[in-house]
Full PDB file with SEQRES, HELIX, SHEET, SSBOND, CRYST1, ORIGX, SCALE, CONECT and MASTER records, all heavy atoms in Angstrom:
SEQRES   1 A   33  GLN GLU ARG VAL ALA TYR THR PHE TYR ASP PRO HIS VAL          
SEQRES   2 A   33  ALA THR LYS ASP LEU VAL ASP GLU VAL PHE ASN VAL THR          
SEQRES   3 A   33  ASN SER ASN ALA LYS CYS LEU                                  
HELIX    1 AA1 GLU A    2  ALA A    5  1                                   4    
HELIX    2 AA2 PRO A   11  VAL A   13  5                                   3    
HELIX    3 AA3 LYS A   16  THR A   26  1                                  11    
HELIX    4 AA4 ASN A   29  CYS A   32  1                                   4    
CRYST1    1.000    1.000    1.000  90.00  90.00  90.00 P 1           1          
ORIGX1      1.000000  0.000000  0.000000        0.00000                         
ORIGX2      0.000000  1.000000  0.000000        0.00000                         
ORIGX3      0.000000  0.000000  1.000000        0.00000                         
SCALE1      1.000000  0.000000  0.000000        0.00000                         
SCALE2      0.000000  1.000000  0.000000        0.00000                         
SCALE3      0.000000  0.000000  1.000000        0.00000                         
ATOM      1  N   GLN A   1      -9.743   1.590   8.422  1.00  0.00           N  
ATOM      2  CA  GLN A   1      -9.997   0.809   9.627  1.00  0.00           C  
ATOM      3  C   GLN A   1     -11.467   0.906  10.048  1.00  0.00           C  
ATOM      4  O   GLN A   1     -12.106  -0.095  10.389  1.00  0.00           O  
ATOM      5  CB  GLN A   1      -9.087   1.304  10.749  1.00  0.00           C  
ATOM      6  CG  GLN A   1      -9.155   0.476  12.022  1.00  0.00           C  
ATOM      7  CD  GLN A   1      -8.161   0.974  13.040  1.00  0.00           C  
ATOM      8  OE1 GLN A   1      -7.913   2.182  13.159  1.00  0.00           O  
ATOM      9  NE2 GLN A   1      -7.558   0.064  13.788  1.00  0.00           N  
ATOM     10  N   GLU A   2     -12.013   2.118   9.983  1.00  0.00           N  
ATOM     11  CA  GLU A   2     -13.415   2.324  10.336  1.00  0.00           C  
ATOM     12  C   GLU A   2     -14.344   1.571   9.390  1.00  0.00           C  
ATOM     13  O   GLU A   2     -15.320   0.947   9.804  1.00  0.00           O  
ATOM     14  CB  GLU A   2     -13.736   3.822  10.299  1.00  0.00           C  
ATOM     15  CG  GLU A   2     -15.191   4.150  10.566  1.00  0.00           C  
ATOM     16  CD  GLU A   2     -15.501   5.613  10.303  1.00  0.00           C  
ATOM     17  OE1 GLU A   2     -14.563   6.434  10.325  1.00  0.00           O  
ATOM     18  OE2 GLU A   2     -16.681   5.920  10.046  1.00  0.00           O  
ATOM     19  N   ARG A   3     -14.043   1.638   8.090  1.00  0.00           N  
ATOM     20  CA  ARG A   3     -14.906   0.990   7.101  1.00  0.00           C  
ATOM     21  C   ARG A   3     -14.837  -0.529   7.197  1.00  0.00           C  
ATOM     22  O   ARG A   3     -15.846  -1.216   7.002  1.00  0.00           O  
ATOM     23  CB  ARG A   3     -14.516   1.438   5.688  1.00  0.00           C  
ATOM     24  CG  ARG A   3     -14.767   2.905   5.392  1.00  0.00           C  
ATOM     25  CD  ARG A   3     -16.231   3.268   5.523  1.00  0.00           C  
ATOM     26  NE  ARG A   3     -16.595   3.701   6.867  1.00  0.00           N  
ATOM     27  CZ  ARG A   3     -17.819   3.844   7.313  1.00  0.00           C  
ATOM     28  NH1 ARG A   3     -18.844   3.575   6.543  1.00  0.00           N  
ATOM     29  NH2 ARG A   3     -18.053   4.252   8.533  1.00  0.00           N  
ATOM     30  N   VAL A   4     -13.658  -1.081   7.471  1.00  0.00           N  
ATOM     31  CA  VAL A   4     -13.533  -2.532   7.622  1.00  0.00           C  
ATOM     32  C   VAL A   4     -14.291  -2.981   8.870  1.00  0.00           C  
ATOM     33  O   VAL A   4     -15.001  -3.993   8.854  1.00  0.00           O  
ATOM     34  CB  VAL A   4     -12.053  -2.954   7.693  1.00  0.00           C  
ATOM     35  CG1 VAL A   4     -11.933  -4.452   8.006  1.00  0.00           C  
ATOM     36  CG2 VAL A   4     -11.353  -2.651   6.371  1.00  0.00           C  
ATOM     37  N   ALA A   5     -14.163  -2.233   9.958  1.00  0.00           N  
ATOM     38  CA  ALA A   5     -14.889  -2.567  11.186  1.00  0.00           C  
ATOM     39  C   ALA A   5     -16.396  -2.533  10.959  1.00  0.00           C  
ATOM     40  O   ALA A   5     -17.148  -3.283  11.592  1.00  0.00           O  
ATOM     41  CB  ALA A   5     -14.490  -1.600  12.300  1.00  0.00           C  
ATOM     42  N   TYR A   6     -16.846  -1.676  10.044  1.00  0.00           N  
ATOM     43  CA  TYR A   6     -18.264  -1.542   9.714  1.00  0.00           C  
ATOM     44  C   TYR A   6     -18.840  -2.854   9.173  1.00  0.00           C  
ATOM     45  O   TYR A   6     -20.046  -3.095   9.254  1.00  0.00           O  
ATOM     46  CB  TYR A   6     -18.397  -0.427   8.675  1.00  0.00           C  
ATOM     47  CG  TYR A   6     -19.795  -0.076   8.206  1.00  0.00           C  
ATOM     48  CD1 TYR A   6     -20.584   0.806   8.927  1.00  0.00           C  
ATOM     49  CD2 TYR A   6     -20.296  -0.593   7.011  1.00  0.00           C  
ATOM     50  CE1 TYR A   6     -21.856   1.154   8.482  1.00  0.00           C  
ATOM     51  CE2 TYR A   6     -21.558  -0.252   6.567  1.00  0.00           C  
ATOM     52  CZ  TYR A   6     -22.336   0.624   7.299  1.00  0.00           C  
ATOM     53  OH  TYR A   6     -23.576   0.969   6.854  1.00  0.00           O  
ATOM     54  N   THR A   7     -17.969  -3.720   8.668  1.00  0.00           N  
ATOM     55  CA  THR A   7     -18.395  -5.003   8.119  1.00  0.00           C  
ATOM     56  C   THR A   7     -18.927  -5.929   9.214  1.00  0.00           C  
ATOM     57  O   THR A   7     -19.762  -6.790   8.944  1.00  0.00           O  
ATOM     58  CB  THR A   7     -17.215  -5.680   7.397  1.00  0.00           C  
ATOM     59  OG1 THR A   7     -16.721  -4.805   6.388  1.00  0.00           O  
ATOM     60  CG2 THR A   7     -17.622  -6.991   6.764  1.00  0.00           C  
ATOM     61  N   PHE A   8     -18.452  -5.738  10.440  1.00  0.00           N  
ATOM     62  CA  PHE A   8     -18.745  -6.679  11.516  1.00  0.00           C  
ATOM     63  C   PHE A   8     -19.593  -6.037  12.612  1.00  0.00           C  
ATOM     64  O   PHE A   8     -19.555  -4.826  12.815  1.00  0.00           O  
ATOM     65  CB  PHE A   8     -17.436  -7.200  12.123  1.00  0.00           C  
ATOM     66  CG  PHE A   8     -16.504  -7.821  11.121  1.00  0.00           C  
ATOM     67  CD1 PHE A   8     -15.412  -7.107  10.641  1.00  0.00           C  
ATOM     68  CD2 PHE A   8     -16.720  -9.095  10.646  1.00  0.00           C  
ATOM     69  CE1 PHE A   8     -14.548  -7.665   9.719  1.00  0.00           C  
ATOM     70  CE2 PHE A   8     -15.868  -9.663   9.719  1.00  0.00           C  
ATOM     71  CZ  PHE A   8     -14.785  -8.950   9.250  1.00  0.00           C  
ATOM     72  N   TYR A   9     -20.320  -6.871  13.336  1.00  0.00           N  
ATOM     73  CA  TYR A   9     -21.018  -6.393  14.528  1.00  0.00           C  
ATOM     74  C   TYR A   9     -20.002  -6.046  15.618  1.00  0.00           C  
ATOM     75  O   TYR A   9     -20.098  -5.006  16.263  1.00  0.00           O  
ATOM     76  CB  TYR A   9     -21.984  -7.465  15.025  1.00  0.00           C  
ATOM     77  CG  TYR A   9     -22.635  -7.123  16.347  1.00  0.00           C  
ATOM     78  CD1 TYR A   9     -23.700  -6.232  16.406  1.00  0.00           C  
ATOM     79  CD2 TYR A   9     -22.165  -7.686  17.540  1.00  0.00           C  
ATOM     80  CE1 TYR A   9     -24.292  -5.898  17.617  1.00  0.00           C  
ATOM     81  CE2 TYR A   9     -22.751  -7.368  18.751  1.00  0.00           C  
ATOM     82  CZ  TYR A   9     -23.810  -6.470  18.784  1.00  0.00           C  
ATOM     83  OH  TYR A   9     -24.383  -6.145  19.984  1.00  0.00           O  
ATOM     84  N   ASP A  10     -19.032  -6.936  15.799  1.00  0.00           N  
ATOM     85  CA  ASP A  10     -17.964  -6.716  16.774  1.00  0.00           C  
ATOM     86  C   ASP A  10     -16.757  -6.155  16.030  1.00  0.00           C  
ATOM     87  O   ASP A  10     -16.104  -6.871  15.276  1.00  0.00           O  
ATOM     88  CB  ASP A  10     -17.596  -8.031  17.457  1.00  0.00           C  
ATOM     89  CG  ASP A  10     -16.464  -7.866  18.485  1.00  0.00           C  
ATOM     90  OD1 ASP A  10     -15.977  -6.729  18.659  1.00  0.00           O  
ATOM     91  OD2 ASP A  10     -16.084  -8.882  19.094  1.00  0.00           O  
ATOM     92  N   PRO A  11     -16.434  -4.875  16.213  1.00  0.00           N  
ATOM     93  CA  PRO A  11     -15.324  -4.280  15.453  1.00  0.00           C  
ATOM     94  C   PRO A  11     -13.978  -4.926  15.716  1.00  0.00           C  
ATOM     95  O   PRO A  11     -13.058  -4.781  14.917  1.00  0.00           O  
ATOM     96  CB  PRO A  11     -15.333  -2.813  15.911  1.00  0.00           C  
ATOM     97  CG  PRO A  11     -16.062  -2.803  17.210  1.00  0.00           C  
ATOM     98  CD  PRO A  11     -17.063  -3.914  17.133  1.00  0.00           C  
ATOM     99  N   HIS A  12     -13.861  -5.679  16.820  1.00  0.00           N  
ATOM    100  CA  HIS A  12     -12.591  -6.334  17.121  1.00  0.00           C  
ATOM    101  C   HIS A  12     -12.282  -7.464  16.139  1.00  0.00           C  
ATOM    102  O   HIS A  12     -11.137  -7.919  16.056  1.00  0.00           O  
ATOM    103  CB  HIS A  12     -12.599  -6.883  18.553  1.00  0.00           C  
ATOM    104  CG  HIS A  12     -12.626  -5.798  19.600  1.00  0.00           C  
ATOM    105  ND1 HIS A  12     -13.802  -5.394  20.209  1.00  0.00           N  
ATOM    106  CD2 HIS A  12     -11.645  -5.025  20.109  1.00  0.00           C  
ATOM    107  CE1 HIS A  12     -13.531  -4.426  21.067  1.00  0.00           C  
ATOM    108  NE2 HIS A  12     -12.241  -4.174  21.026  1.00  0.00           N  
ATOM    109  N   VAL A  13     -13.298  -7.925  15.410  1.00  0.00           N  
ATOM    110  CA  VAL A  13     -13.062  -8.951  14.385  1.00  0.00           C  
ATOM    111  C   VAL A  13     -12.214  -8.378  13.250  1.00  0.00           C  
ATOM    112  O   VAL A  13     -11.508  -9.098  12.560  1.00  0.00           O  
ATOM    113  CB  VAL A  13     -14.402  -9.502  13.842  1.00  0.00           C  
ATOM    114  CG1 VAL A  13     -14.173 -10.549  12.762  1.00  0.00           C  
ATOM    115  CG2 VAL A  13     -15.213 -10.106  14.996  1.00  0.00           C  
ATOM    116  N   ALA A  14     -12.270  -7.056  13.085  1.00  0.00           N  
ATOM    117  CA  ALA A  14     -11.447  -6.380  12.067  1.00  0.00           C  
ATOM    118  C   ALA A  14     -10.021  -6.242  12.605  1.00  0.00           C  
ATOM    119  O   ALA A  14      -9.602  -5.203  13.104  1.00  0.00           O  
ATOM    120  CB  ALA A  14     -12.030  -5.014  11.737  1.00  0.00           C  
ATOM    121  N   THR A  15      -9.270  -7.329  12.515  1.00  0.00           N  
ATOM    122  CA  THR A  15      -7.913  -7.363  13.043  1.00  0.00           C  
ATOM    123  C   THR A  15      -6.998  -6.424  12.265  1.00  0.00           C  
ATOM    124  O   THR A  15      -7.311  -6.005  11.145  1.00  0.00           O  
ATOM    125  CB  THR A  15      -7.344  -8.781  12.966  1.00  0.00           C  
ATOM    126  OG1 THR A  15      -7.273  -9.169  11.579  1.00  0.00           O  
ATOM    127  CG2 THR A  15      -8.228  -9.767  13.723  1.00  0.00           C  
ATOM    128  N   LYS A  16      -5.857  -6.121  12.863  1.00  0.00           N  
ATOM    129  CA  LYS A  16      -4.884  -5.263  12.188  1.00  0.00           C  
ATOM    130  C   LYS A  16      -4.441  -5.878  10.866  1.00  0.00           C  
ATOM    131  O   LYS A  16      -4.282  -5.170   9.868  1.00  0.00           O  
ATOM    132  CB  LYS A  16      -3.672  -5.014  13.080  1.00  0.00           C  
ATOM    133  CG  LYS A  16      -2.674  -4.008  12.486  1.00  0.00           C  
ATOM    134  CD  LYS A  16      -1.521  -3.748  13.425  1.00  0.00           C  
ATOM    135  CE  LYS A  16      -0.597  -2.667  12.852  1.00  0.00           C  
ATOM    136  NZ  LYS A  16      -0.067  -3.003  11.511  1.00  0.00           N  
ATOM    137  N   ASP A  17      -4.255  -7.188  10.834  1.00  0.00           N  
ATOM    138  CA  ASP A  17      -3.847  -7.851   9.587  1.00  0.00           C  
ATOM    139  C   ASP A  17      -4.893  -7.639   8.496  1.00  0.00           C  
ATOM    140  O   ASP A  17      -4.548  -7.391   7.333  1.00  0.00           O  
ATOM    141  CB  ASP A  17      -3.640  -9.352   9.816  1.00  0.00           C  
ATOM    142  CG  ASP A  17      -2.363  -9.650  10.591  1.00  0.00           C  
ATOM    143  OD1 ASP A  17      -1.508  -8.742  10.689  1.00  0.00           O  
ATOM    144  OD2 ASP A  17      -2.221 -10.784  11.083  1.00  0.00           O  
ATOM    145  N   LEU A  18      -6.168  -7.744   8.871  1.00  0.00           N  
ATOM    146  CA  LEU A  18      -7.237  -7.561   7.901  1.00  0.00           C  
ATOM    147  C   LEU A  18      -7.286  -6.119   7.412  1.00  0.00           C  
ATOM    148  O   LEU A  18      -7.410  -5.860   6.208  1.00  0.00           O  
ATOM    149  CB  LEU A  18      -8.577  -7.960   8.526  1.00  0.00           C  
ATOM    150  CG  LEU A  18      -9.807  -7.938   7.629  1.00  0.00           C  
ATOM    151  CD1 LEU A  18      -9.618  -8.859   6.433  1.00  0.00           C  
ATOM    152  CD2 LEU A  18     -11.043  -8.346   8.420  1.00  0.00           C  
ATOM    153  N   VAL A  19      -7.177  -5.175   8.333  1.00  0.00           N  
ATOM    154  CA  VAL A  19      -7.178  -3.758   7.950  1.00  0.00           C  
ATOM    155  C   VAL A  19      -5.968  -3.439   7.078  1.00  0.00           C  
ATOM    156  O   VAL A  19      -6.089  -2.726   6.066  1.00  0.00           O  
ATOM    157  CB  VAL A  19      -7.202  -2.859   9.201  1.00  0.00           C  
ATOM    158  CG1 VAL A  19      -7.080  -1.384   8.809  1.00  0.00           C  
ATOM    159  CG2 VAL A  19      -8.479  -3.086  10.001  1.00  0.00           C  
ATOM    160  N   ASP A  20      -4.812  -3.960   7.445  1.00  0.00           N  
ATOM    161  CA  ASP A  20      -3.599  -3.724   6.654  1.00  0.00           C  
ATOM    162  C   ASP A  20      -3.766  -4.233   5.222  1.00  0.00           C  
ATOM    163  O   ASP A  20      -3.338  -3.571   4.263  1.00  0.00           O  
ATOM    164  CB  ASP A  20      -2.397  -4.424   7.296  1.00  0.00           C  
ATOM    165  CG  ASP A  20      -1.919  -3.727   8.560  1.00  0.00           C  
ATOM    166  OD1 ASP A  20      -2.367  -2.597   8.826  1.00  0.00           O  
ATOM    167  OD2 ASP A  20      -1.095  -4.329   9.276  1.00  0.00           O  
ATOM    168  N   GLU A  21      -4.413  -5.394   5.087  1.00  0.00           N  
ATOM    169  CA  GLU A  21      -4.606  -5.973   3.760  1.00  0.00           C  
ATOM    170  C   GLU A  21      -5.483  -5.065   2.891  1.00  0.00           C  
ATOM    171  O   GLU A  21      -5.154  -4.788   1.736  1.00  0.00           O  
ATOM    172  CB  GLU A  21      -5.233  -7.358   3.889  1.00  0.00           C  
ATOM    173  CG  GLU A  21      -5.418  -8.082   2.570  1.00  0.00           C  
ATOM    174  CD  GLU A  21      -5.966  -9.484   2.747  1.00  0.00           C  
ATOM    175  OE1 GLU A  21      -5.964  -9.991   3.888  1.00  0.00           O  
ATOM    176  OE2 GLU A  21      -6.407 -10.070   1.745  1.00  0.00           O  
ATOM    177  N   VAL A  22      -6.597  -4.587   3.450  1.00  0.00           N  
ATOM    178  CA  VAL A  22      -7.481  -3.698   2.694  1.00  0.00           C  
ATOM    179  C   VAL A  22      -6.792  -2.367   2.410  1.00  0.00           C  
ATOM    180  O   VAL A  22      -6.905  -1.810   1.312  1.00  0.00           O  
ATOM    181  CB  VAL A  22      -8.806  -3.485   3.448  1.00  0.00           C  
ATOM    182  CG1 VAL A  22      -9.685  -2.470   2.722  1.00  0.00           C  
ATOM    183  CG2 VAL A  22      -9.553  -4.811   3.609  1.00  0.00           C  
ATOM    184  N   PHE A  23      -6.061  -1.855   3.388  1.00  0.00           N  
ATOM    185  CA  PHE A  23      -5.343  -0.592   3.215  1.00  0.00           C  
ATOM    186  C   PHE A  23      -4.358  -0.689   2.052  1.00  0.00           C  
ATOM    187  O   PHE A  23      -4.266   0.217   1.211  1.00  0.00           O  
ATOM    188  CB  PHE A  23      -4.607  -0.232   4.505  1.00  0.00           C  
ATOM    189  CG  PHE A  23      -3.839   1.061   4.425  1.00  0.00           C  
ATOM    190  CD1 PHE A  23      -4.498   2.284   4.438  1.00  0.00           C  
ATOM    191  CD2 PHE A  23      -2.453   1.050   4.354  1.00  0.00           C  
ATOM    192  CE1 PHE A  23      -3.794   3.478   4.376  1.00  0.00           C  
ATOM    193  CE2 PHE A  23      -1.738   2.238   4.287  1.00  0.00           C  
ATOM    194  CZ  PHE A  23      -2.404   3.456   4.293  1.00  0.00           C  
ATOM    195  N   ASN A  24      -3.620  -1.795   1.990  1.00  0.00           N  
ATOM    196  CA  ASN A  24      -2.654  -1.970   0.901  1.00  0.00           C  
ATOM    197  C   ASN A  24      -3.346  -2.075  -0.455  1.00  0.00           C  
ATOM    198  O   ASN A  24      -2.853  -1.550  -1.461  1.00  0.00           O  
ATOM    199  CB  ASN A  24      -1.805  -3.216   1.149  1.00  0.00           C  
ATOM    200  CG  ASN A  24      -0.857  -3.052   2.325  1.00  0.00           C  
ATOM    201  OD1 ASN A  24      -0.445  -1.938   2.645  1.00  0.00           O  
ATOM    202  ND2 ASN A  24      -0.523  -4.149   2.989  1.00  0.00           N  
ATOM    203  N   VAL A  25      -4.507  -2.725  -0.480  1.00  0.00           N  
ATOM    204  CA  VAL A  25      -5.266  -2.842  -1.721  1.00  0.00           C  
ATOM    205  C   VAL A  25      -5.713  -1.466  -2.201  1.00  0.00           C  
ATOM    206  O   VAL A  25      -5.569  -1.115  -3.382  1.00  0.00           O  
ATOM    207  CB  VAL A  25      -6.491  -3.761  -1.530  1.00  0.00           C  
ATOM    208  CG1 VAL A  25      -7.442  -3.638  -2.712  1.00  0.00           C  
ATOM    209  CG2 VAL A  25      -6.051  -5.205  -1.361  1.00  0.00           C  
ATOM    210  N   THR A  26      -6.238  -0.657  -1.282  1.00  0.00           N  
ATOM    211  CA  THR A  26      -6.784   0.633  -1.687  1.00  0.00           C  
ATOM    212  C   THR A  26      -5.697   1.642  -2.056  1.00  0.00           C  
ATOM    213  O   THR A  26      -6.007   2.701  -2.607  1.00  0.00           O  
ATOM    214  CB  THR A  26      -7.664   1.237  -0.568  1.00  0.00           C  
ATOM    215  OG1 THR A  26      -6.872   1.419   0.616  1.00  0.00           O  
ATOM    216  CG2 THR A  26      -8.836   0.318  -0.253  1.00  0.00           C  
ATOM    217  N   ASN A  27      -4.447   1.330  -1.775  1.00  0.00           N  
ATOM    218  CA  ASN A  27      -3.355   2.220  -2.158  1.00  0.00           C  
ATOM    219  C   ASN A  27      -2.733   1.844  -3.497  1.00  0.00           C  
ATOM    220  O   ASN A  27      -1.713   2.413  -3.890  1.00  0.00           O  
ATOM    221  CB  ASN A  27      -2.268   2.239  -1.077  1.00  0.00           C  
ATOM    222  CG  ASN A  27      -2.596   3.228   0.020  1.00  0.00           C  
ATOM    223  OD1 ASN A  27      -3.236   4.247  -0.231  1.00  0.00           O  
ATOM    224  ND2 ASN A  27      -2.193   2.938   1.230  1.00  0.00           N  
ATOM    225  N   SER A  28      -3.345   0.891  -4.183  1.00  0.00           N  
ATOM    226  CA  SER A  28      -2.877   0.489  -5.510  1.00  0.00           C  
ATOM    227  C   SER A  28      -3.886   0.964  -6.553  1.00  0.00           C  
ATOM    228  O   SER A  28      -5.051   0.560  -6.531  1.00  0.00           O  
ATOM    229  CB  SER A  28      -2.739  -1.035  -5.584  1.00  0.00           C  
ATOM    230  OG  SER A  28      -2.648  -1.470  -6.924  1.00  0.00           O  
ATOM    231  N   ASN A  29      -3.441   1.823  -7.461  1.00  0.00           N  
ATOM    232  CA  ASN A  29      -4.338   2.321  -8.504  1.00  0.00           C  
ATOM    233  C   ASN A  29      -4.925   1.188  -9.331  1.00  0.00           C  
ATOM    234  O   ASN A  29      -6.119   1.170  -9.644  1.00  0.00           O  
ATOM    235  CB  ASN A  29      -3.590   3.294  -9.426  1.00  0.00           C  
ATOM    236  CG  ASN A  29      -3.478   4.683  -8.823  1.00  0.00           C  
ATOM    237  OD1 ASN A  29      -4.295   5.090  -8.016  1.00  0.00           O  
ATOM    238  ND2 ASN A  29      -2.440   5.407  -9.221  1.00  0.00           N  
ATOM    239  N   ALA A  30      -4.068   0.241  -9.719  1.00  0.00           N  
ATOM    240  CA  ALA A  30      -4.522  -0.865 -10.571  1.00  0.00           C  
ATOM    241  C   ALA A  30      -5.585  -1.698  -9.869  1.00  0.00           C  
ATOM    242  O   ALA A  30      -6.604  -2.076 -10.473  1.00  0.00           O  
ATOM    243  CB  ALA A  30      -3.329  -1.739 -10.959  1.00  0.00           C  
ATOM    244  N   LYS A  31      -5.369  -1.985  -8.587  1.00  0.00           N  
ATOM    245  CA  LYS A  31      -6.346  -2.781  -7.850  1.00  0.00           C  
ATOM    246  C   LYS A  31      -7.638  -2.005  -7.645  1.00  0.00           C  
ATOM    247  O   LYS A  31      -8.735  -2.563  -7.763  1.00  0.00           O  
ATOM    248  CB  LYS A  31      -5.757  -3.215  -6.507  1.00  0.00           C  
ATOM    249  CG  LYS A  31      -4.622  -4.232  -6.645  1.00  0.00           C  
ATOM    250  CD  LYS A  31      -4.038  -4.616  -5.290  1.00  0.00           C  
ATOM    251  CE  LYS A  31      -2.921  -5.627  -5.457  1.00  0.00           C  
ATOM    252  NZ  LYS A  31      -2.323  -6.010  -4.148  1.00  0.00           N  
ATOM    253  N   CYS A  32      -7.518  -0.723  -7.353  1.00  0.00           N  
ATOM    254  CA  CYS A  32      -8.717   0.098  -7.145  1.00  0.00           C  
ATOM    255  C   CYS A  32      -9.582   0.157  -8.393  1.00  0.00           C  
ATOM    256  O   CYS A  32     -10.814   0.112  -8.307  1.00  0.00           O  
ATOM    257  CB  CYS A  32      -8.316   1.516  -6.730  1.00  0.00           C  
ATOM    258  SG  CYS A  32      -7.955   1.677  -4.968  1.00  0.00           S  
ATOM    259  N   LEU A  33      -8.957   0.261  -9.550  1.00  0.00           N  
ATOM    260  CA  LEU A  33      -9.717   0.303 -10.792  1.00  0.00           C  
ATOM    261  C   LEU A  33     -10.548  -0.965 -10.966  1.00  0.00           C  
ATOM    262  O   LEU A  33     -11.709  -0.911 -11.395  1.00  0.00           O  
ATOM    263  CB  LEU A  33      -8.779   0.485 -11.989  1.00  0.00           C  
ATOM    264  CG  LEU A  33      -8.210   1.892 -12.187  1.00  0.00           C  
ATOM    265  CD1 LEU A  33      -7.156   1.881 -13.297  1.00  0.00           C  
ATOM    266  CD2 LEU A  33      -9.309   2.892 -12.512  1.00  0.00           C  
TER     267      LEU A  33                                                      
MASTER        0    0    0    4    0    0    0    6  266    1    0    3          
END                                                                             
């Protein structure tokens, strides 16, 4: 959540849906590779 918010000037642009999407990606070994 912190790293996704780092993408934006306004951290509120990093919505829960957006954070959830990145979180799910980073929990997949195949996707991370």
